[in-house]
Amino acid sequence: MAAIAPVCDFGWKAPDFELPATDGKIYRLADIAGAKGVLIMFVCNHCPYVLAIRDRILRDARDLQALGLGVAAICANDADAYPEDSFERMRDVAKREKFPYPYLHDEDQSAARTYGAVCTPDFFGFNADLELQYRGRLDASRKETGPAGLRRDLYEAMRQVAETGTGPQEQIPSMGCAIKWKSA
């Protein structure tokens, strides 16, 4: 089921977390944040919206890291209901795709709930003061990869955040598969 992330709540402070990563380490927000800010992405292994842009996510992550931004991805989906999003499968994907950032497992879904994540992908871009400045899409791709040359909305917004500390006022929300929440 498709879901659309809400608009950016400028200035909202990034909540901390402590999550295991596919590289065997435990990460907190401070471990990931860069000198110019941080991008936290809620993704998963199976969502067609994420799969359509995975190569572009990897490209943009590398380019943003070069600008002094920290980057991490979090998978919060219910792995019992969606085994392709299990921690073991996350490790396989991160290794095969050579993720240049930590891929974190939010098994109890506490980080996703605290952040208010809605869909995969859901991008949260924070400045150096860990204030939210971007909550928009990567580019105009949807379930299919968009054509080459699309405007790099996420990259351009986060480049602006790295340079000025503020994100663009006009943002187009991300769209993707709804987070697969565990039943109560």
N, C-alpha and C. Protein backbone atom coordinates (compact mmCIF):
# COMPACT_ATOMS: atom_id res chain seq x y z
N MET A 1 0.84 -1.18 0.00
CA MET A 1 0.00 0.00 0.00
C MET A 1 0.89 1.24 0.00
N ALA A 2 0.66 2.15 -0.92
CA ALA A 2 1.47 3.36 -1.02
C ALA A 2 1.11 4.33 0.08
N ALA A 3 2.12 5.03 0.56
CA ALA A 3 1.95 6.05 1.58
C ALA A 3 2.79 7.26 1.18
N ILE A 4 2.38 8.42 1.66
CA ILE A 4 3.10 9.66 1.36
C ILE A 4 3.53 10.28 2.68
N ALA A 5 4.81 10.64 2.77
CA ALA A 5 5.34 11.26 3.98
C ALA A 5 4.78 12.67 4.13
N PRO A 6 4.63 13.14 5.36
CA PRO A 6 4.16 14.52 5.57
C PRO A 6 5.23 15.53 5.20
N VAL A 7 4.84 16.79 5.17
CA VAL A 7 5.78 17.86 4.84
C VAL A 7 6.76 18.08 5.98
N CYS A 8 7.83 18.77 5.67
CA CYS A 8 8.91 19.03 6.62
C CYS A 8 8.44 19.89 7.79
N ASP A 9 8.75 19.45 8.99
CA ASP A 9 8.51 20.21 10.21
C ASP A 9 9.83 20.89 10.57
N PHE A 10 10.11 22.02 9.91
CA PHE A 10 11.40 22.70 10.05
C PHE A 10 11.76 22.93 11.51
N GLY A 11 13.00 22.57 11.86
CA GLY A 11 13.52 22.80 13.19
C GLY A 11 13.30 21.66 14.17
N TRP A 12 12.48 20.67 13.79
CA TRP A 12 12.23 19.52 14.68
C TRP A 12 13.57 18.83 14.94
N LYS A 13 13.86 18.55 16.20
CA LYS A 13 15.15 17.99 16.59
C LYS A 13 15.20 16.49 16.36
N ALA A 14 16.31 16.03 15.81
CA ALA A 14 16.51 14.60 15.53
C ALA A 14 16.56 13.81 16.84
N PRO A 15 15.71 12.81 16.99
CA PRO A 15 15.77 11.98 18.18
C PRO A 15 16.96 11.02 18.11
N ASP A 16 17.53 10.72 19.26
CA ASP A 16 18.62 9.76 19.32
C ASP A 16 18.06 8.35 19.19
N PHE A 17 18.93 7.43 18.90
CA PHE A 17 18.59 6.01 18.82
C PHE A 17 19.84 5.22 19.13
N GLU A 18 19.68 3.95 19.34
CA GLU A 18 20.79 3.02 19.53
C GLU A 18 20.38 1.73 18.84
N LEU A 19 20.96 1.50 17.66
CA LEU A 19 20.52 0.40 16.81
C LEU A 19 21.70 -0.41 16.28
N PRO A 20 21.52 -1.73 16.14
CA PRO A 20 22.56 -2.56 15.54
C PRO A 20 22.59 -2.37 14.03
N ALA A 21 23.80 -2.46 13.48
CA ALA A 21 23.99 -2.31 12.03
C ALA A 21 24.49 -3.61 11.43
N THR A 22 24.38 -3.69 10.13
CA THR A 22 24.79 -4.88 9.40
C THR A 22 26.30 -5.10 9.47
N ASP A 23 27.06 -4.07 9.87
CA ASP A 23 28.52 -4.23 9.99
C ASP A 23 28.93 -4.76 11.37
N GLY A 24 27.94 -5.11 12.22
CA GLY A 24 28.22 -5.68 13.53
C GLY A 24 28.37 -4.66 14.64
N LYS A 25 28.30 -3.38 14.32
CA LYS A 25 28.43 -2.33 15.33
C LYS A 25 27.05 -1.84 15.78
N ILE A 26 27.05 -1.14 16.92
CA ILE A 26 25.86 -0.46 17.42
C ILE A 26 26.08 1.03 17.17
N TYR A 27 25.08 1.71 16.62
CA TYR A 27 25.20 3.13 16.30
C TYR A 27 24.16 3.95 17.04
N ARG A 28 24.61 5.13 17.44
CA ARG A 28 23.72 6.17 17.95
C ARG A 28 23.76 7.30 16.93
N LEU A 29 22.84 8.23 17.06
CA LEU A 29 22.80 9.35 16.12
C LEU A 29 24.14 10.09 16.06
N ALA A 30 24.77 10.32 17.21
CA ALA A 30 26.04 11.04 17.25
C ALA A 30 27.15 10.32 16.48
N ASP A 31 27.06 9.01 16.37
CA ASP A 31 28.05 8.24 15.63
C ASP A 31 27.94 8.46 14.13
N ILE A 32 26.78 8.89 13.68
CA ILE A 32 26.48 9.02 12.26
C ILE A 32 26.56 10.47 11.78
N ALA A 33 26.15 11.40 12.63
CA ALA A 33 26.08 12.81 12.24
C ALA A 33 27.43 13.31 11.74
N GLY A 34 27.38 14.05 10.65
CA GLY A 34 28.58 14.67 10.11
C GLY A 34 28.69 16.11 10.57
N ALA A 35 29.77 16.75 10.24
CA ALA A 35 30.01 18.14 10.64
C ALA A 35 28.95 19.09 10.08
N LYS A 36 28.38 18.76 8.92
CA LYS A 36 27.41 19.64 8.26
C LYS A 36 25.96 19.17 8.42
N GLY A 37 25.74 17.98 9.06
CA GLY A 37 24.39 17.48 9.24
C GLY A 37 24.33 15.98 9.03
N VAL A 38 23.11 15.49 8.92
CA VAL A 38 22.92 14.05 8.78
C VAL A 38 21.64 13.74 8.02
N LEU A 39 21.69 12.68 7.23
CA LEU A 39 20.53 12.17 6.52
C LEU A 39 20.20 10.81 7.09
N ILE A 40 18.98 10.67 7.61
CA ILE A 40 18.48 9.39 8.10
C ILE A 40 17.40 8.94 7.13
N MET A 41 17.58 7.73 6.56
CA MET A 41 16.65 7.21 5.56
C MET A 41 15.97 5.96 6.10
N PHE A 42 14.66 5.91 6.05
CA PHE A 42 13.93 4.68 6.37
C PHE A 42 13.67 3.97 5.05
N VAL A 43 14.24 2.78 4.93
CA VAL A 43 14.17 1.98 3.71
C VAL A 43 13.90 0.53 4.09
N CYS A 44 13.83 -0.32 3.10
CA CYS A 44 13.75 -1.76 3.35
C CYS A 44 14.31 -2.48 2.12
N ASN A 45 14.36 -3.79 2.20
CA ASN A 45 14.96 -4.58 1.12
C ASN A 45 14.01 -4.87 -0.03
N HIS A 46 12.71 -4.88 0.22
CA HIS A 46 11.80 -5.40 -0.80
C HIS A 46 10.90 -4.36 -1.48
N CYS A 47 10.81 -3.17 -0.96
CA CYS A 47 9.87 -2.16 -1.48
C CYS A 47 10.24 -1.77 -2.91
N PRO A 48 9.29 -1.84 -3.85
CA PRO A 48 9.60 -1.47 -5.23
C PRO A 48 10.01 0.00 -5.38
N TYR A 49 9.52 0.87 -4.51
CA TYR A 49 9.91 2.28 -4.58
C TYR A 49 11.39 2.44 -4.22
N VAL A 50 11.85 1.69 -3.21
CA VAL A 50 13.26 1.73 -2.81
C VAL A 50 14.12 1.06 -3.88
N LEU A 51 13.70 -0.09 -4.35
CA LEU A 51 14.47 -0.80 -5.37
C LEU A 51 14.65 0.03 -6.63
N ALA A 52 13.62 0.81 -6.98
CA ALA A 52 13.68 1.63 -8.19
C ALA A 52 14.76 2.71 -8.11
N ILE A 53 15.11 3.12 -6.87
CA ILE A 53 16.06 4.22 -6.73
C ILE A 53 17.30 3.83 -5.93
N ARG A 54 17.50 2.56 -5.63
CA ARG A 54 18.62 2.17 -4.77
C ARG A 54 19.95 2.68 -5.31
N ASP A 55 20.20 2.54 -6.60
CA ASP A 55 21.46 3.03 -7.17
C ASP A 55 21.61 4.54 -6.97
N ARG A 56 20.51 5.26 -7.08
CA ARG A 56 20.56 6.71 -6.91
C ARG A 56 20.74 7.08 -5.43
N ILE A 57 20.15 6.29 -4.53
CA ILE A 57 20.37 6.51 -3.10
C ILE A 57 21.85 6.35 -2.79
N LEU A 58 22.46 5.29 -3.31
CA LEU A 58 23.89 5.05 -3.07
C LEU A 58 24.74 6.18 -3.64
N ARG A 59 24.43 6.62 -4.85
CA ARG A 59 25.16 7.74 -5.46
C ARG A 59 25.03 8.99 -4.61
N ASP A 60 23.80 9.33 -4.23
CA ASP A 60 23.58 10.55 -3.46
C ASP A 60 24.21 10.46 -2.08
N ALA A 61 24.17 9.29 -1.46
CA ALA A 61 24.80 9.12 -0.14
C ALA A 61 26.30 9.40 -0.22
N ARG A 62 26.94 8.84 -1.21
CA ARG A 62 28.38 9.07 -1.37
C ARG A 62 28.67 10.56 -1.61
N ASP A 63 27.88 11.18 -2.47
CA ASP A 63 28.08 12.59 -2.78
C ASP A 63 27.82 13.47 -1.55
N LEU A 64 26.83 13.12 -0.73
CA LEU A 64 26.53 13.90 0.47
C LEU A 64 27.60 13.70 1.54
N GLN A 65 28.11 12.49 1.65
CA GLN A 65 29.19 12.25 2.62
C GLN A 65 30.41 13.10 2.26
N ALA A 66 30.67 13.27 0.98
CA ALA A 66 31.80 14.08 0.54
C ALA A 66 31.61 15.56 0.92
N LEU A 67 30.37 15.97 1.17
CA LEU A 67 30.07 17.35 1.57
C LEU A 67 30.08 17.53 3.10
N GLY A 68 30.37 16.46 3.84
CA GLY A 68 30.42 16.55 5.30
C GLY A 68 29.14 16.16 6.00
N LEU A 69 28.25 15.49 5.28
CA LEU A 69 27.00 15.02 5.89
C LEU A 69 27.13 13.54 6.25
N GLY A 70 26.63 13.17 7.41
CA GLY A 70 26.54 11.77 7.78
C GLY A 70 25.30 11.16 7.15
N VAL A 71 25.34 9.86 6.91
CA VAL A 71 24.22 9.17 6.27
C VAL A 71 24.04 7.81 6.93
N ALA A 72 22.79 7.42 7.16
CA ALA A 72 22.47 6.08 7.63
C ALA A 72 21.10 5.69 7.10
N ALA A 73 20.90 4.39 6.93
CA ALA A 73 19.61 3.85 6.54
C ALA A 73 19.10 2.96 7.67
N ILE A 74 17.79 2.98 7.88
CA ILE A 74 17.16 2.18 8.92
C ILE A 74 16.06 1.35 8.28
N CYS A 75 16.05 0.06 8.60
CA CYS A 75 14.95 -0.82 8.20
C CYS A 75 14.15 -1.15 9.45
N ALA A 76 12.88 -0.79 9.44
CA ALA A 76 12.02 -0.99 10.61
C ALA A 76 10.87 -1.95 10.33
N ASN A 77 10.81 -2.52 9.14
CA ASN A 77 9.68 -3.38 8.81
C ASN A 77 9.62 -4.63 9.68
N ASP A 78 8.41 -5.12 9.87
CA ASP A 78 8.16 -6.36 10.61
C ASP A 78 8.74 -7.53 9.82
N ALA A 79 9.89 -8.04 10.27
CA ALA A 79 10.58 -9.11 9.54
C ALA A 79 9.87 -10.45 9.69
N ASP A 80 9.02 -10.61 10.71
CA ASP A 80 8.26 -11.87 10.82
C ASP A 80 7.25 -11.95 9.69
N ALA A 81 6.60 -10.85 9.38
CA ALA A 81 5.63 -10.82 8.30
C ALA A 81 6.30 -10.64 6.93
N TYR A 82 7.49 -10.02 6.91
CA TYR A 82 8.21 -9.75 5.67
C TYR A 82 9.65 -10.24 5.83
N PRO A 83 9.88 -11.57 5.70
CA PRO A 83 11.21 -12.14 5.96
C PRO A 83 12.32 -11.56 5.09
N GLU A 84 11.98 -11.01 3.93
CA GLU A 84 13.01 -10.40 3.09
C GLU A 84 13.61 -9.16 3.75
N ASP A 85 12.98 -8.65 4.81
CA ASP A 85 13.51 -7.50 5.54
C ASP A 85 14.16 -7.91 6.86
N SER A 86 14.50 -9.19 6.98
CA SER A 86 15.17 -9.68 8.20
C SER A 86 16.58 -9.10 8.30
N PHE A 87 17.13 -9.13 9.49
CA PHE A 87 18.48 -8.61 9.71
C PHE A 87 19.50 -9.37 8.86
N GLU A 88 19.33 -10.68 8.75
CA GLU A 88 20.23 -11.48 7.91
C GLU A 88 20.18 -11.02 6.45
N ARG A 89 18.99 -10.81 5.94
CA ARG A 89 18.84 -10.34 4.56
C ARG A 89 19.37 -8.92 4.40
N MET A 90 19.19 -8.10 5.44
CA MET A 90 19.76 -6.74 5.40
C MET A 90 21.27 -6.82 5.23
N ARG A 91 21.90 -7.72 5.98
CA ARG A 91 23.36 -7.89 5.87
C ARG A 91 23.76 -8.27 4.45
N ASP A 92 23.00 -9.21 3.87
CA ASP A 92 23.29 -9.65 2.50
C ASP A 92 23.21 -8.50 1.51
N VAL A 93 22.15 -7.71 1.61
CA VAL A 93 21.94 -6.59 0.68
C VAL A 93 23.03 -5.53 0.86
N ALA A 94 23.33 -5.18 2.11
CA ALA A 94 24.34 -4.14 2.37
C ALA A 94 25.70 -4.57 1.83
N LYS A 95 26.03 -5.84 1.99
CA LYS A 95 27.32 -6.34 1.50
C LYS A 95 27.35 -6.38 -0.03
N ARG A 96 26.30 -6.95 -0.62
CA ARG A 96 26.24 -7.08 -2.07
C ARG A 96 26.24 -5.72 -2.77
N GLU A 97 25.49 -4.77 -2.22
CA GLU A 97 25.36 -3.44 -2.84
C GLU A 97 26.44 -2.46 -2.39
N LYS A 98 27.30 -2.91 -1.44
CA LYS A 98 28.40 -2.07 -0.93
C LYS A 98 27.89 -0.74 -0.38
N PHE A 99 26.94 -0.83 0.56
CA PHE A 99 26.40 0.38 1.17
C PHE A 99 27.54 1.19 1.79
N PRO A 100 27.62 2.48 1.47
CA PRO A 100 28.68 3.32 2.02
C PRO A 100 28.31 3.95 3.37
N TYR A 101 27.24 3.47 3.96
CA TYR A 101 26.71 4.01 5.22
C TYR A 101 26.20 2.86 6.07
N PRO A 102 26.03 3.08 7.37
CA PRO A 102 25.46 2.04 8.23
C PRO A 102 24.02 1.72 7.84
N TYR A 103 23.70 0.43 7.84
CA TYR A 103 22.34 -0.03 7.58
C TYR A 103 21.85 -0.61 8.90
N LEU A 104 20.93 0.10 9.54
CA LEU A 104 20.52 -0.18 10.91
C LEU A 104 19.21 -0.96 10.97
N HIS A 105 19.12 -1.84 11.96
CA HIS A 105 17.94 -2.67 12.15
C HIS A 105 17.14 -2.14 13.34
N ASP A 106 15.93 -1.72 13.08
CA ASP A 106 15.02 -1.19 14.10
C ASP A 106 13.98 -2.26 14.41
N GLU A 107 14.43 -3.33 15.03
CA GLU A 107 13.57 -4.50 15.24
C GLU A 107 12.31 -4.17 16.03
N ASP A 108 12.43 -3.35 17.08
CA ASP A 108 11.24 -3.04 17.89
C ASP A 108 10.47 -1.83 17.34
N GLN A 109 10.94 -1.28 16.25
CA GLN A 109 10.30 -0.18 15.53
C GLN A 109 10.25 1.12 16.33
N SER A 110 11.04 1.22 17.39
CA SER A 110 11.01 2.42 18.23
C SER A 110 11.55 3.64 17.50
N ALA A 111 12.61 3.48 16.72
CA ALA A 111 13.15 4.62 15.98
C ALA A 111 12.14 5.11 14.94
N ALA A 112 11.54 4.19 14.21
CA ALA A 112 10.55 4.57 13.20
C ALA A 112 9.38 5.32 13.83
N ARG A 113 8.94 4.85 14.98
CA ARG A 113 7.83 5.53 15.66
C ARG A 113 8.26 6.91 16.16
N THR A 114 9.45 7.01 16.74
CA THR A 114 9.93 8.28 17.27
C THR A 114 10.12 9.30 16.15
N TYR A 115 10.62 8.85 15.02
CA TYR A 115 10.81 9.75 13.88
C TYR A 115 9.50 10.06 13.15
N GLY A 116 8.50 9.22 13.36
CA GLY A 116 7.26 9.40 12.62
C GLY A 116 7.38 8.94 11.18
N ALA A 117 8.25 7.95 10.95
CA ALA A 117 8.42 7.40 9.60
C ALA A 117 7.09 6.83 9.11
N VAL A 118 6.82 7.04 7.85
CA VAL A 118 5.55 6.63 7.25
C VAL A 118 5.74 5.58 6.17
N CYS A 119 6.77 5.77 5.36
CA CYS A 119 6.92 4.93 4.18
C CYS A 119 8.38 4.63 3.93
N THR A 120 8.59 3.71 2.98
CA THR A 120 9.93 3.43 2.48
C THR A 120 9.93 3.78 1.00
N PRO A 121 10.77 4.73 0.62
CA PRO A 121 11.74 5.46 1.43
C PRO A 121 11.11 6.67 2.11
N ASP A 122 11.64 7.02 3.26
CA ASP A 122 11.26 8.24 3.97
C ASP A 122 12.57 8.89 4.41
N PHE A 123 12.85 10.09 3.91
CA PHE A 123 14.12 10.78 4.11
C PHE A 123 13.97 11.90 5.13
N PHE A 124 14.88 11.92 6.10
CA PHE A 124 14.92 12.97 7.13
C PHE A 124 16.29 13.63 7.06
N GLY A 125 16.35 14.86 6.60
CA GLY A 125 17.60 15.58 6.46
C GLY A 125 17.75 16.66 7.51
N PHE A 126 18.79 16.55 8.33
CA PHE A 126 19.02 17.46 9.44
C PHE A 126 20.28 18.29 9.21
N ASN A 127 20.29 19.51 9.75
CA ASN A 127 21.47 20.36 9.66
C ASN A 127 22.47 20.00 10.76
N ALA A 128 23.53 20.78 10.89
CA ALA A 128 24.58 20.50 11.88
C ALA A 128 24.06 20.59 13.30
N ASP A 129 22.98 21.34 13.52
CA ASP A 129 22.36 21.43 14.85
C ASP A 129 21.30 20.35 15.06
N LEU A 130 21.24 19.41 14.13
CA LEU A 130 20.28 18.29 14.17
C LEU A 130 18.83 18.76 14.15
N GLU A 131 18.60 19.82 13.37
CA GLU A 131 17.25 20.35 13.15
C GLU A 131 16.78 19.92 11.76
N LEU A 132 15.57 19.41 11.69
CA LEU A 132 15.04 18.92 10.42
C LEU A 132 14.93 20.05 9.41
N GLN A 133 15.48 19.79 8.22
CA GLN A 133 15.46 20.77 7.14
C GLN A 133 14.94 20.19 5.83
N TYR A 134 14.84 18.86 5.75
CA TYR A 134 14.34 18.25 4.52
C TYR A 134 13.58 16.97 4.84
N ARG A 135 12.39 16.87 4.28
CA ARG A 135 11.60 15.64 4.37
C ARG A 135 10.88 15.50 3.04
N GLY A 136 11.65 15.25 2.02
CA GLY A 136 11.10 15.17 0.67
C GLY A 136 11.57 13.93 -0.05
N ARG A 137 11.36 13.93 -1.33
CA ARG A 137 11.69 12.77 -2.16
C ARG A 137 13.15 12.81 -2.63
N LEU A 138 13.62 11.68 -3.13
CA LEU A 138 14.95 11.60 -3.73
C LEU A 138 14.93 12.29 -5.09
N ASP A 139 13.98 11.89 -5.92
CA ASP A 139 13.75 12.52 -7.22
C ASP A 139 12.34 12.15 -7.65
N ALA A 140 11.99 12.37 -8.90
CA ALA A 140 10.63 12.14 -9.37
C ALA A 140 10.32 10.68 -9.69
N SER A 141 11.24 9.77 -9.42
CA SER A 141 10.96 8.34 -9.63
C SER A 141 9.83 7.90 -8.71
N ARG A 142 9.14 6.87 -9.11
CA ARG A 142 8.11 6.27 -8.25
C ARG A 142 8.43 4.78 -8.15
N LYS A 143 7.50 3.90 -8.55
CA LYS A 143 7.76 2.46 -8.49
C LYS A 143 8.73 2.01 -9.58
N GLU A 144 8.93 2.88 -10.56
CA GLU A 144 9.90 2.61 -11.62
C GLU A 144 10.95 3.71 -11.56
N THR A 145 12.15 3.34 -11.94
CA THR A 145 13.23 4.33 -11.98
C THR A 145 12.89 5.39 -13.02
N GLY A 146 12.97 6.63 -12.62
CA GLY A 146 12.71 7.73 -13.54
C GLY A 146 13.84 7.83 -14.55
N PRO A 147 13.64 8.61 -15.60
CA PRO A 147 14.66 8.76 -16.64
C PRO A 147 15.93 9.40 -16.09
N ALA A 148 17.03 9.13 -16.75
CA ALA A 148 18.30 9.77 -16.39
C ALA A 148 18.13 11.27 -16.50
N GLY A 149 18.83 11.99 -15.66
CA GLY A 149 18.79 13.43 -15.73
C GLY A 149 17.71 14.09 -14.89
N LEU A 150 16.95 13.30 -14.12
CA LEU A 150 15.96 13.92 -13.24
C LEU A 150 16.65 14.82 -12.23
N ARG A 151 15.96 15.86 -11.82
CA ARG A 151 16.50 16.74 -10.77
C ARG A 151 16.72 15.91 -9.51
N ARG A 152 17.87 16.07 -8.90
CA ARG A 152 18.23 15.33 -7.69
C ARG A 152 17.73 16.11 -6.48
N ASP A 153 16.43 15.99 -6.20
CA ASP A 153 15.80 16.78 -5.14
C ASP A 153 16.51 16.61 -3.79
N LEU A 154 16.72 15.37 -3.37
CA LEU A 154 17.36 15.10 -2.08
C LEU A 154 18.77 15.67 -2.04
N TYR A 155 19.55 15.36 -3.04
CA TYR A 155 20.93 15.83 -3.08
C TYR A 155 20.99 17.36 -3.04
N GLU A 156 20.22 18.01 -3.89
CA GLU A 156 20.25 19.47 -3.97
C GLU A 156 19.80 20.10 -2.65
N ALA A 157 18.78 19.53 -2.03
CA ALA A 157 18.30 20.05 -0.75
C ALA A 157 19.35 19.88 0.34
N MET A 158 19.97 18.72 0.40
CA MET A 158 20.96 18.47 1.45
C MET A 158 22.26 19.21 1.17
N ARG A 159 22.57 19.47 -0.07
CA ARG A 159 23.73 20.32 -0.39
C ARG A 159 23.48 21.72 0.14
N GLN A 160 22.26 22.20 -0.04
CA GLN A 160 21.88 23.51 0.49
C GLN A 160 21.98 23.51 2.02
N VAL A 161 21.52 22.44 2.65
CA VAL A 161 21.61 22.33 4.12
C VAL A 161 23.08 22.37 4.55
N ALA A 162 23.94 21.64 3.85
CA ALA A 162 25.36 21.61 4.19
C ALA A 162 25.99 23.00 4.05
N GLU A 163 25.55 23.75 3.05
CA GLU A 163 26.14 25.07 2.78
C GLU A 163 25.57 26.18 3.64
N THR A 164 24.27 26.11 3.96
CA THR A 164 23.60 27.23 4.62
C THR A 164 22.97 26.88 5.97
N GLY A 165 22.78 25.60 6.25
CA GLY A 165 22.11 25.19 7.47
C GLY A 165 20.60 25.13 7.36
N THR A 166 20.06 25.56 6.22
CA THR A 166 18.61 25.52 6.02
C THR A 166 18.26 24.79 4.74
N GLY A 167 17.11 24.16 4.75
CA GLY A 167 16.63 23.45 3.57
C GLY A 167 15.68 24.30 2.75
N PRO A 168 15.34 23.83 1.57
CA PRO A 168 14.43 24.57 0.70
C PRO A 168 13.02 24.62 1.28
N GLN A 169 12.36 25.75 1.10
CA GLN A 169 10.98 25.87 1.59
C GLN A 169 10.02 24.99 0.81
N GLU A 170 10.27 24.82 -0.48
CA GLU A 170 9.41 23.99 -1.33
C GLU A 170 9.99 22.58 -1.37
N GLN A 171 9.21 21.61 -0.91
CA GLN A 171 9.65 20.22 -0.90
C GLN A 171 8.49 19.33 -1.36
N ILE A 172 8.82 18.33 -2.15
CA ILE A 172 7.82 17.37 -2.62
C ILE A 172 7.99 16.12 -1.76
N PRO A 173 6.93 15.68 -1.07
CA PRO A 173 7.05 14.54 -0.16
C PRO A 173 7.46 13.25 -0.88
N SER A 174 8.12 12.41 -0.12
CA SER A 174 8.47 11.09 -0.62
C SER A 174 7.23 10.22 -0.65
N MET A 175 7.20 9.27 -1.57
CA MET A 175 6.11 8.31 -1.67
C MET A 175 6.73 6.92 -1.69
N GLY A 176 6.08 5.98 -1.04
CA GLY A 176 6.59 4.62 -1.04
C GLY A 176 5.63 3.67 -0.37
N CYS A 177 6.12 2.48 -0.09
CA CYS A 177 5.32 1.48 0.61
C CYS A 177 5.20 1.88 2.07
N ALA A 178 4.04 1.67 2.64
CA ALA A 178 3.85 1.96 4.06
C ALA A 178 4.78 1.09 4.89
N ILE A 179 5.28 1.66 6.00
CA ILE A 179 6.07 0.87 6.96
C ILE A 179 5.22 -0.33 7.37
N LYS A 180 5.84 -1.48 7.44
CA LYS A 180 5.13 -2.72 7.84
C LYS A 180 5.22 -2.84 9.36
N TRP A 181 4.19 -2.28 10.02
CA TRP A 181 4.17 -2.26 11.48
C TRP A 181 3.81 -3.62 12.05
N LYS A 182 4.39 -3.93 13.19
CA LYS A 182 4.04 -5.16 13.90
C LYS A 182 2.67 -4.99 14.52
N SER A 183 1.91 -6.08 14.56
CA SER A 183 0.61 -6.00 15.21
C SER A 183 0.80 -5.96 16.72
N ALA A 184 -0.06 -5.25 17.37
CA ALA A 184 0.07 -5.04 18.82
C ALA A 184 -0.14 -6.29 19.63
